[in-house]
Amino acid sequence: MTWYALQHKPAQGNRALTHLQNQGIACFYPNIIVENIKAGKRTKKLEPLFPGYLFVNLEQTDPLWAKLRSTRGIQRVVSFAGKPAPISGEVIQHIKDSLESVAERGGIKPGKTVQLHEGPFEGISAIFHAYDGETRAIVLINFMQKQQSVSVPVSAIKSDR
């Protein structure tokens, strides 16, 4: 089966998802936890990865296509030249895998022991200290009988679970 993008009405993504699932349509509505700092307070909120869009898995010949446009919360099917734009299953799988990776990284807490599996510190055990932007992290390693702070790519970290 092929995936297709649907645009939902503003602030009605969850409503559209519920109604599509009630019709037996396979859906994917990727969400991520976003951390905001407002008035000095840190808050976490679940937000859509693609605001305004969700994905459905249907065959072109499926009779459920007729119901999509009238589903509560759905605005339109994303189309080009009057035909729904297909999205490869590989792309959707990559997004799902990436979301799992982000969730795992969000789970590493300061003080947790991690393994470095690439770069000059490959094979070394370290203590996770903090994230340094989106792609790097600061870890503490024991070097010359002293704990050293080192910035490494997030991709080089494997959490000991």
N, C-alpha and C. Protein backbone atom coordinates (compact mmCIF):
# COMPACT_ATOMS: atom_id res chain seq x y z
N MET A 1 0.83 -1.19 0.00
CA MET A 1 0.00 0.00 0.00
C MET A 1 0.87 1.24 0.00
N THR A 2 0.31 2.30 -0.49
CA THR A 2 1.02 3.57 -0.58
C THR A 2 0.43 4.56 0.42
N TRP A 3 1.25 5.47 0.87
CA TRP A 3 0.82 6.50 1.82
C TRP A 3 0.48 7.77 1.06
N TYR A 4 -0.43 8.55 1.65
CA TYR A 4 -0.84 9.83 1.07
C TYR A 4 -0.97 10.84 2.21
N ALA A 5 -0.70 12.11 1.90
CA ALA A 5 -0.82 13.17 2.90
C ALA A 5 -2.20 13.80 2.82
N LEU A 6 -2.76 14.08 3.98
CA LEU A 6 -4.03 14.80 4.09
C LEU A 6 -3.78 16.07 4.88
N GLN A 7 -4.39 17.15 4.45
CA GLN A 7 -4.31 18.38 5.21
C GLN A 7 -5.53 18.44 6.12
N HIS A 8 -5.29 18.69 7.40
CA HIS A 8 -6.43 18.79 8.31
C HIS A 8 -6.74 20.25 8.60
N LYS A 9 -7.93 20.49 9.09
CA LYS A 9 -8.35 21.84 9.43
C LYS A 9 -7.52 22.31 10.63
N PRO A 10 -7.34 23.64 10.77
CA PRO A 10 -6.54 24.15 11.89
C PRO A 10 -7.00 23.63 13.24
N ALA A 11 -6.04 23.15 14.03
CA ALA A 11 -6.25 22.64 15.40
C ALA A 11 -7.19 21.44 15.45
N GLN A 12 -7.34 20.69 14.35
CA GLN A 12 -8.24 19.54 14.35
C GLN A 12 -7.52 18.24 13.93
N GLY A 13 -6.22 18.20 14.11
CA GLY A 13 -5.45 17.01 13.73
C GLY A 13 -5.88 15.76 14.50
N ASN A 14 -6.03 15.89 15.81
CA ASN A 14 -6.42 14.72 16.62
C ASN A 14 -7.85 14.29 16.31
N ARG A 15 -8.71 15.25 16.06
CA ARG A 15 -10.10 14.93 15.69
C ARG A 15 -10.13 14.16 14.37
N ALA A 16 -9.37 14.67 13.38
CA ALA A 16 -9.32 14.00 12.08
C ALA A 16 -8.76 12.59 12.23
N LEU A 17 -7.70 12.44 13.02
CA LEU A 17 -7.09 11.13 13.24
C LEU A 17 -8.10 10.15 13.84
N THR A 18 -8.82 10.58 14.84
CA THR A 18 -9.82 9.72 15.48
C THR A 18 -10.89 9.27 14.49
N HIS A 19 -11.40 10.21 13.70
CA HIS A 19 -12.46 9.87 12.75
C HIS A 19 -11.95 8.95 11.63
N LEU A 20 -10.71 9.16 11.19
CA LEU A 20 -10.14 8.27 10.17
C LEU A 20 -9.96 6.86 10.73
N GLN A 21 -9.45 6.76 11.95
CA GLN A 21 -9.25 5.45 12.57
C GLN A 21 -10.58 4.75 12.80
N ASN A 22 -11.62 5.51 13.13
CA ASN A 22 -12.95 4.91 13.32
C ASN A 22 -13.48 4.31 12.02
N GLN A 23 -13.00 4.80 10.87
CA GLN A 23 -13.40 4.27 9.57
C GLN A 23 -12.53 3.09 9.15
N GLY A 24 -11.55 2.76 9.96
CA GLY A 24 -10.67 1.63 9.65
C GLY A 24 -9.54 1.98 8.71
N ILE A 25 -9.17 3.25 8.63
CA ILE A 25 -8.08 3.69 7.76
C ILE A 25 -6.79 3.73 8.56
N ALA A 26 -5.74 3.12 8.01
CA ALA A 26 -4.42 3.14 8.66
C ALA A 26 -3.86 4.56 8.56
N CYS A 27 -3.52 5.15 9.72
CA CYS A 27 -3.08 6.55 9.77
C CYS A 27 -1.73 6.66 10.46
N PHE A 28 -1.06 7.77 10.18
CA PHE A 28 0.20 8.10 10.85
C PHE A 28 0.19 9.61 11.07
N TYR A 29 0.21 10.01 12.34
CA TYR A 29 0.19 11.43 12.72
C TYR A 29 1.37 11.65 13.67
N PRO A 30 2.56 11.89 13.09
CA PRO A 30 3.76 11.97 13.92
C PRO A 30 3.78 13.20 14.83
N ASN A 31 4.06 12.96 16.10
CA ASN A 31 4.16 14.02 17.10
C ASN A 31 5.50 13.93 17.80
N ILE A 32 5.99 15.08 18.25
CA ILE A 32 7.24 15.13 19.01
C ILE A 32 7.03 16.01 20.25
N ILE A 33 7.84 15.79 21.25
CA ILE A 33 7.79 16.61 22.45
C ILE A 33 8.70 17.81 22.22
N VAL A 34 8.13 19.00 22.35
CA VAL A 34 8.87 20.24 22.15
C VAL A 34 8.98 20.94 23.50
N GLU A 35 10.19 21.38 23.80
CA GLU A 35 10.43 22.06 25.07
C GLU A 35 10.51 23.56 24.81
N ASN A 36 9.71 24.33 25.54
CA ASN A 36 9.71 25.78 25.40
C ASN A 36 10.06 26.42 26.73
N ILE A 37 10.66 27.60 26.66
CA ILE A 37 10.92 28.37 27.86
C ILE A 37 10.12 29.65 27.73
N LYS A 38 9.17 29.81 28.64
CA LYS A 38 8.30 30.97 28.60
C LYS A 38 8.28 31.59 30.00
N ALA A 39 8.62 32.85 30.08
CA ALA A 39 8.68 33.57 31.35
C ALA A 39 9.59 32.84 32.35
N GLY A 40 10.68 32.28 31.84
CA GLY A 40 11.65 31.60 32.69
C GLY A 40 11.26 30.21 33.12
N LYS A 41 10.11 29.72 32.66
CA LYS A 41 9.66 28.38 33.02
C LYS A 41 9.76 27.46 31.82
N ARG A 42 10.29 26.28 32.07
CA ARG A 42 10.47 25.27 31.03
C ARG A 42 9.21 24.39 30.96
N THR A 43 8.62 24.31 29.77
CA THR A 43 7.44 23.47 29.60
C THR A 43 7.66 22.54 28.42
N LYS A 44 7.07 21.35 28.52
CA LYS A 44 7.14 20.39 27.42
C LYS A 44 5.73 20.19 26.89
N LYS A 45 5.65 20.12 25.56
CA LYS A 45 4.35 20.02 24.91
C LYS A 45 4.46 19.09 23.71
N LEU A 46 3.45 18.26 23.50
CA LEU A 46 3.42 17.36 22.36
C LEU A 46 2.87 18.14 21.16
N GLU A 47 3.67 18.22 20.08
CA GLU A 47 3.26 18.96 18.89
C GLU A 47 3.45 18.09 17.65
N PRO A 48 2.64 18.35 16.60
CA PRO A 48 2.79 17.59 15.36
C PRO A 48 4.14 17.88 14.70
N LEU A 49 4.74 16.85 14.14
CA LEU A 49 5.99 17.01 13.42
C LEU A 49 5.76 17.79 12.13
N PHE A 50 4.63 17.55 11.48
CA PHE A 50 4.24 18.27 10.26
C PHE A 50 2.92 18.98 10.54
N PRO A 51 2.98 20.20 11.10
CA PRO A 51 1.73 20.89 11.46
C PRO A 51 0.78 21.00 10.26
N GLY A 52 -0.44 20.59 10.48
CA GLY A 52 -1.47 20.69 9.45
C GLY A 52 -1.63 19.45 8.59
N TYR A 53 -0.78 18.42 8.79
CA TYR A 53 -0.83 17.25 7.91
C TYR A 53 -0.79 15.95 8.70
N LEU A 54 -1.44 14.94 8.14
CA LEU A 54 -1.32 13.58 8.63
C LEU A 54 -1.30 12.67 7.41
N PHE A 55 -0.97 11.41 7.62
CA PHE A 55 -0.77 10.48 6.51
C PHE A 55 -1.72 9.30 6.63
N VAL A 56 -2.20 8.82 5.48
CA VAL A 56 -3.07 7.65 5.45
C VAL A 56 -2.48 6.62 4.48
N ASN A 57 -2.77 5.36 4.76
CA ASN A 57 -2.25 4.25 3.95
C ASN A 57 -3.44 3.60 3.26
N LEU A 58 -3.60 3.88 1.96
CA LEU A 58 -4.72 3.36 1.19
C LEU A 58 -4.28 2.97 -0.21
N GLU A 59 -5.01 2.03 -0.80
CA GLU A 59 -4.82 1.69 -2.21
C GLU A 59 -5.65 2.67 -3.03
N GLN A 60 -5.22 2.92 -4.26
CA GLN A 60 -5.96 3.84 -5.14
C GLN A 60 -7.40 3.37 -5.38
N THR A 61 -7.62 2.07 -5.35
CA THR A 61 -8.94 1.52 -5.66
C THR A 61 -9.82 1.37 -4.42
N ASP A 62 -9.32 1.73 -3.26
CA ASP A 62 -10.08 1.56 -2.02
C ASP A 62 -11.32 2.46 -2.01
N PRO A 63 -12.49 1.91 -1.68
CA PRO A 63 -13.72 2.72 -1.66
C PRO A 63 -13.73 3.78 -0.55
N LEU A 64 -12.80 3.68 0.41
CA LEU A 64 -12.75 4.67 1.49
C LEU A 64 -12.30 6.06 1.00
N TRP A 65 -11.73 6.14 -0.21
CA TRP A 65 -11.32 7.44 -0.75
C TRP A 65 -12.50 8.42 -0.78
N ALA A 66 -13.68 7.91 -1.10
CA ALA A 66 -14.86 8.77 -1.20
C ALA A 66 -15.21 9.40 0.15
N LYS A 67 -14.87 8.73 1.25
CA LYS A 67 -15.20 9.23 2.58
C LYS A 67 -14.17 10.24 3.10
N LEU A 68 -12.97 10.26 2.54
CA LEU A 68 -11.90 11.11 3.08
C LEU A 68 -12.28 12.58 3.13
N ARG A 69 -12.79 13.11 2.04
CA ARG A 69 -13.08 14.54 1.97
C ARG A 69 -14.18 14.97 2.94
N SER A 70 -15.06 14.03 3.29
CA SER A 70 -16.15 14.40 4.20
C SER A 70 -15.87 13.99 5.65
N THR A 71 -14.69 13.49 5.92
CA THR A 71 -14.32 13.12 7.29
C THR A 71 -14.13 14.38 8.13
N ARG A 72 -14.69 14.39 9.33
CA ARG A 72 -14.56 15.55 10.21
C ARG A 72 -13.09 15.85 10.47
N GLY A 73 -12.74 17.12 10.32
CA GLY A 73 -11.37 17.57 10.58
C GLY A 73 -10.48 17.58 9.35
N ILE A 74 -10.87 16.90 8.28
CA ILE A 74 -10.04 16.85 7.07
C ILE A 74 -10.42 18.00 6.14
N GLN A 75 -9.40 18.70 5.67
CA GLN A 75 -9.63 19.81 4.74
C GLN A 75 -9.52 19.35 3.29
N ARG A 76 -8.41 18.63 2.99
CA ARG A 76 -8.23 18.17 1.61
C ARG A 76 -7.16 17.10 1.54
N VAL A 77 -7.15 16.39 0.41
CA VAL A 77 -6.10 15.43 0.10
C VAL A 77 -5.02 16.20 -0.66
N VAL A 78 -3.77 16.05 -0.26
CA VAL A 78 -2.68 16.73 -0.96
C VAL A 78 -2.54 16.09 -2.33
N SER A 79 -2.71 16.89 -3.37
CA SER A 79 -2.73 16.38 -4.75
C SER A 79 -1.89 17.24 -5.68
N PHE A 80 -1.47 16.63 -6.77
CA PHE A 80 -0.79 17.34 -7.84
C PHE A 80 -1.46 16.93 -9.14
N ALA A 81 -1.82 17.91 -9.94
CA ALA A 81 -2.51 17.68 -11.21
C ALA A 81 -3.79 16.87 -11.01
N GLY A 82 -4.48 17.13 -9.89
CA GLY A 82 -5.74 16.48 -9.64
C GLY A 82 -5.65 15.05 -9.14
N LYS A 83 -4.45 14.56 -8.90
CA LYS A 83 -4.28 13.18 -8.40
C LYS A 83 -3.58 13.22 -7.05
N PRO A 84 -4.04 12.38 -6.11
CA PRO A 84 -3.37 12.33 -4.80
C PRO A 84 -1.87 12.01 -4.97
N ALA A 85 -1.05 12.77 -4.24
CA ALA A 85 0.41 12.60 -4.34
C ALA A 85 0.86 11.43 -3.47
N PRO A 86 1.39 10.36 -4.08
CA PRO A 86 1.83 9.20 -3.28
C PRO A 86 3.13 9.49 -2.52
N ILE A 87 3.25 8.85 -1.36
CA ILE A 87 4.46 8.95 -0.56
C ILE A 87 4.94 7.52 -0.34
N SER A 88 6.18 7.28 -0.60
CA SER A 88 6.77 5.95 -0.47
C SER A 88 6.68 5.45 0.97
N GLY A 89 6.44 4.17 1.12
CA GLY A 89 6.43 3.55 2.44
C GLY A 89 7.79 3.67 3.12
N GLU A 90 8.87 3.72 2.33
CA GLU A 90 10.21 3.88 2.89
C GLU A 90 10.37 5.22 3.58
N VAL A 91 9.77 6.27 3.00
CA VAL A 91 9.85 7.61 3.59
C VAL A 91 9.13 7.61 4.94
N ILE A 92 7.93 7.04 4.97
CA ILE A 92 7.17 6.98 6.22
C ILE A 92 7.93 6.16 7.26
N GLN A 93 8.53 5.04 6.86
CA GLN A 93 9.30 4.21 7.79
C GLN A 93 10.50 4.98 8.33
N HIS A 94 11.15 5.76 7.48
CA HIS A 94 12.29 6.57 7.91
C HIS A 94 11.84 7.60 8.96
N ILE A 95 10.70 8.21 8.74
CA ILE A 95 10.17 9.18 9.71
C ILE A 95 9.90 8.48 11.04
N LYS A 96 9.28 7.30 10.99
CA LYS A 96 8.99 6.54 12.21
C LYS A 96 10.27 6.19 12.95
N ASP A 97 11.29 5.72 12.21
CA ASP A 97 12.57 5.38 12.82
C ASP A 97 13.24 6.61 13.44
N SER A 98 13.15 7.73 12.75
CA SER A 98 13.74 8.98 13.25
C SER A 98 13.05 9.42 14.53
N LEU A 99 11.74 9.26 14.59
CA LEU A 99 11.00 9.63 15.80
C LEU A 99 11.43 8.78 16.98
N GLU A 100 11.64 7.49 16.74
CA GLU A 100 12.11 6.60 17.81
C GLU A 100 13.49 7.03 18.29
N SER A 101 14.35 7.44 17.36
CA SER A 101 15.69 7.88 17.69
C SER A 101 15.63 9.15 18.54
N VAL A 102 14.76 10.08 18.17
CA VAL A 102 14.60 11.33 18.93
C VAL A 102 14.10 11.02 20.33
N ALA A 103 13.14 10.11 20.45
CA ALA A 103 12.60 9.75 21.76
C ALA A 103 13.68 9.13 22.63
N GLU A 104 14.54 8.30 22.04
CA GLU A 104 15.62 7.68 22.80
C GLU A 104 16.61 8.73 23.30
N ARG A 105 16.96 9.70 22.42
CA ARG A 105 17.90 10.74 22.83
C ARG A 105 17.32 11.60 23.93
N GLY A 106 16.03 11.87 23.85
CA GLY A 106 15.38 12.66 24.88
C GLY A 106 15.40 11.95 26.22
N GLY A 107 15.61 10.63 26.19
CA GLY A 107 15.59 9.86 27.41
C GLY A 107 16.92 9.84 28.15
N ILE A 108 17.99 10.35 27.56
CA ILE A 108 19.29 10.34 28.22
C ILE A 108 19.33 11.49 29.22
N LYS A 109 19.51 11.13 30.45
CA LYS A 109 19.51 12.13 31.53
C LYS A 109 20.95 12.39 31.98
N PRO A 110 21.23 13.60 32.44
CA PRO A 110 22.56 13.90 32.96
C PRO A 110 22.96 12.92 34.05
N GLY A 111 24.22 12.48 34.00
CA GLY A 111 24.73 11.52 34.97
C GLY A 111 24.63 10.07 34.51
N LYS A 112 23.95 9.82 33.39
CA LYS A 112 23.78 8.47 32.87
C LYS A 112 25.06 8.02 32.14
N THR A 113 25.45 6.77 32.36
CA THR A 113 26.62 6.22 31.68
C THR A 113 26.27 5.89 30.23
N VAL A 114 27.12 6.32 29.31
CA VAL A 114 26.92 6.08 27.88
C VAL A 114 28.19 5.50 27.28
N GLN A 115 28.05 4.90 26.12
CA GLN A 115 29.20 4.38 25.36
C GLN A 115 29.38 5.26 24.12
N LEU A 116 30.60 5.58 23.79
CA LEU A 116 30.89 6.32 22.55
C LEU A 116 31.26 5.29 21.50
N HIS A 117 30.56 5.31 20.36
CA HIS A 117 30.78 4.25 19.37
C HIS A 117 31.28 4.75 18.03
N GLU A 118 31.78 5.99 17.98
CA GLU A 118 32.43 6.46 16.76
C GLU A 118 33.34 7.64 17.10
N GLY A 119 34.23 7.95 16.18
CA GLY A 119 35.15 9.06 16.40
C GLY A 119 36.36 8.66 17.21
N PRO A 120 37.16 9.64 17.63
CA PRO A 120 38.40 9.35 18.34
C PRO A 120 38.21 8.71 19.72
N PHE A 121 37.00 8.82 20.28
CA PHE A 121 36.74 8.24 21.60
C PHE A 121 35.96 6.94 21.52
N GLU A 122 35.96 6.31 20.36
CA GLU A 122 35.21 5.07 20.15
C GLU A 122 35.59 4.02 21.18
N GLY A 123 34.57 3.38 21.78
CA GLY A 123 34.79 2.32 22.75
C GLY A 123 34.96 2.81 24.18
N ILE A 124 34.96 4.11 24.38
CA ILE A 124 35.16 4.65 25.73
C ILE A 124 33.82 4.85 26.42
N SER A 125 33.80 4.54 27.70
CA SER A 125 32.62 4.79 28.53
C SER A 125 32.69 6.24 28.99
N ALA A 126 31.55 6.91 29.03
CA ALA A 126 31.50 8.31 29.44
C ALA A 126 30.25 8.55 30.26
N ILE A 127 30.18 9.72 30.86
CA ILE A 127 28.99 10.12 31.61
C ILE A 127 28.35 11.27 30.85
N PHE A 128 27.07 11.09 30.52
CA PHE A 128 26.35 12.13 29.79
C PHE A 128 26.18 13.35 30.70
N HIS A 129 26.50 14.53 30.14
CA HIS A 129 26.38 15.76 30.93
C HIS A 129 25.22 16.63 30.45
N ALA A 130 25.19 16.94 29.12
CA ALA A 130 24.12 17.81 28.59
C ALA A 130 24.15 17.79 27.07
N TYR A 131 23.04 18.22 26.49
CA TYR A 131 23.01 18.42 25.04
C TYR A 131 23.62 19.78 24.74
N ASP A 132 24.33 19.85 23.63
CA ASP A 132 24.97 21.08 23.20
C ASP A 132 24.41 21.40 21.81
N GLY A 133 23.22 21.94 21.76
CA GLY A 133 22.54 22.15 20.48
C GLY A 133 21.81 20.88 20.08
N GLU A 134 21.44 20.80 18.80
CA GLU A 134 20.65 19.67 18.33
C GLU A 134 21.50 18.48 17.91
N THR A 135 22.75 18.72 17.53
CA THR A 135 23.54 17.62 16.97
C THR A 135 24.73 17.21 17.83
N ARG A 136 24.99 17.92 18.92
CA ARG A 136 26.15 17.60 19.75
C ARG A 136 25.74 17.45 21.21
N ALA A 137 26.58 16.73 21.95
CA ALA A 137 26.35 16.53 23.37
C ALA A 137 27.67 16.66 24.11
N ILE A 138 27.58 17.04 25.36
CA ILE A 138 28.78 17.14 26.20
C ILE A 138 28.78 15.93 27.13
N VAL A 139 29.89 15.20 27.10
CA VAL A 139 30.06 14.03 27.96
C VAL A 139 31.33 14.21 28.78
N LEU A 140 31.39 13.50 29.89
CA LEU A 140 32.57 13.54 30.75
C LEU A 140 33.30 12.21 30.62
N ILE A 141 34.60 12.29 30.31
CA ILE A 141 35.40 11.07 30.22
C ILE A 141 36.57 11.17 31.20
N ASN A 142 37.05 10.03 31.66
CA ASN A 142 38.22 10.01 32.52
C ASN A 142 39.45 9.92 31.65
N PHE A 143 40.31 10.95 31.74
CA PHE A 143 41.51 11.01 30.92
C PHE A 143 42.63 11.58 31.78
N MET A 144 43.72 10.86 31.90
CA MET A 144 44.88 11.27 32.70
C MET A 144 44.48 11.55 34.15
N GLN A 145 43.76 10.62 34.73
CA GLN A 145 43.29 10.68 36.12
C GLN A 145 42.46 11.93 36.43
N LYS A 146 41.80 12.47 35.39
CA LYS A 146 40.96 13.66 35.61
C LYS A 146 39.74 13.54 34.71
N GLN A 147 38.62 14.03 35.19
CA GLN A 147 37.40 14.01 34.39
C GLN A 147 37.42 15.20 33.43
N GLN A 148 37.35 14.89 32.12
CA GLN A 148 37.41 15.92 31.09
C GLN A 148 36.04 16.06 30.42
N SER A 149 35.67 17.28 30.11
CA SER A 149 34.43 17.55 29.40
C SER A 149 34.73 17.57 27.90
N VAL A 150 33.97 16.77 27.13
CA VAL A 150 34.21 16.64 25.69
C VAL A 150 32.89 16.78 24.94
N SER A 151 32.93 17.53 23.85
CA SER A 151 31.75 17.67 23.00
C SER A 151 31.84 16.64 21.88
N VAL A 152 30.78 15.84 21.72
CA VAL A 152 30.77 14.78 20.71
C VAL A 152 29.44 14.84 19.94
N PRO A 153 29.40 14.27 18.72
CA PRO A 153 28.13 14.21 18.00
C PRO A 153 27.13 13.33 18.76
N VAL A 154 25.88 13.73 18.78
CA VAL A 154 24.85 12.93 19.45
C VAL A 154 24.78 11.53 18.86
N SER A 155 25.07 11.42 17.56
CA SER A 155 25.02 10.12 16.90
C SER A 155 26.08 9.16 17.43
N ALA A 156 27.10 9.67 18.10
CA ALA A 156 28.18 8.83 18.61
C ALA A 156 27.86 8.23 19.98
N ILE A 157 26.72 8.62 20.55
CA ILE A 157 26.36 8.18 21.90
C ILE A 157 25.39 7.00 21.85
N LYS A 158 25.68 5.99 22.66
CA LYS A 158 24.76 4.88 22.87
C LYS A 158 24.53 4.76 24.35
N SER A 159 23.29 4.85 24.74
CA SER A 159 22.95 4.78 26.16
C SER A 159 23.05 3.34 26.66
N ASP A 160 23.63 3.17 27.87
CA ASP A 160 23.65 1.85 28.51
C ASP A 160 22.29 1.67 29.17
N ARG A 161 21.52 0.71 28.67
CA ARG A 161 20.18 0.51 29.25
C ARG A 161 20.14 -0.74 30.05
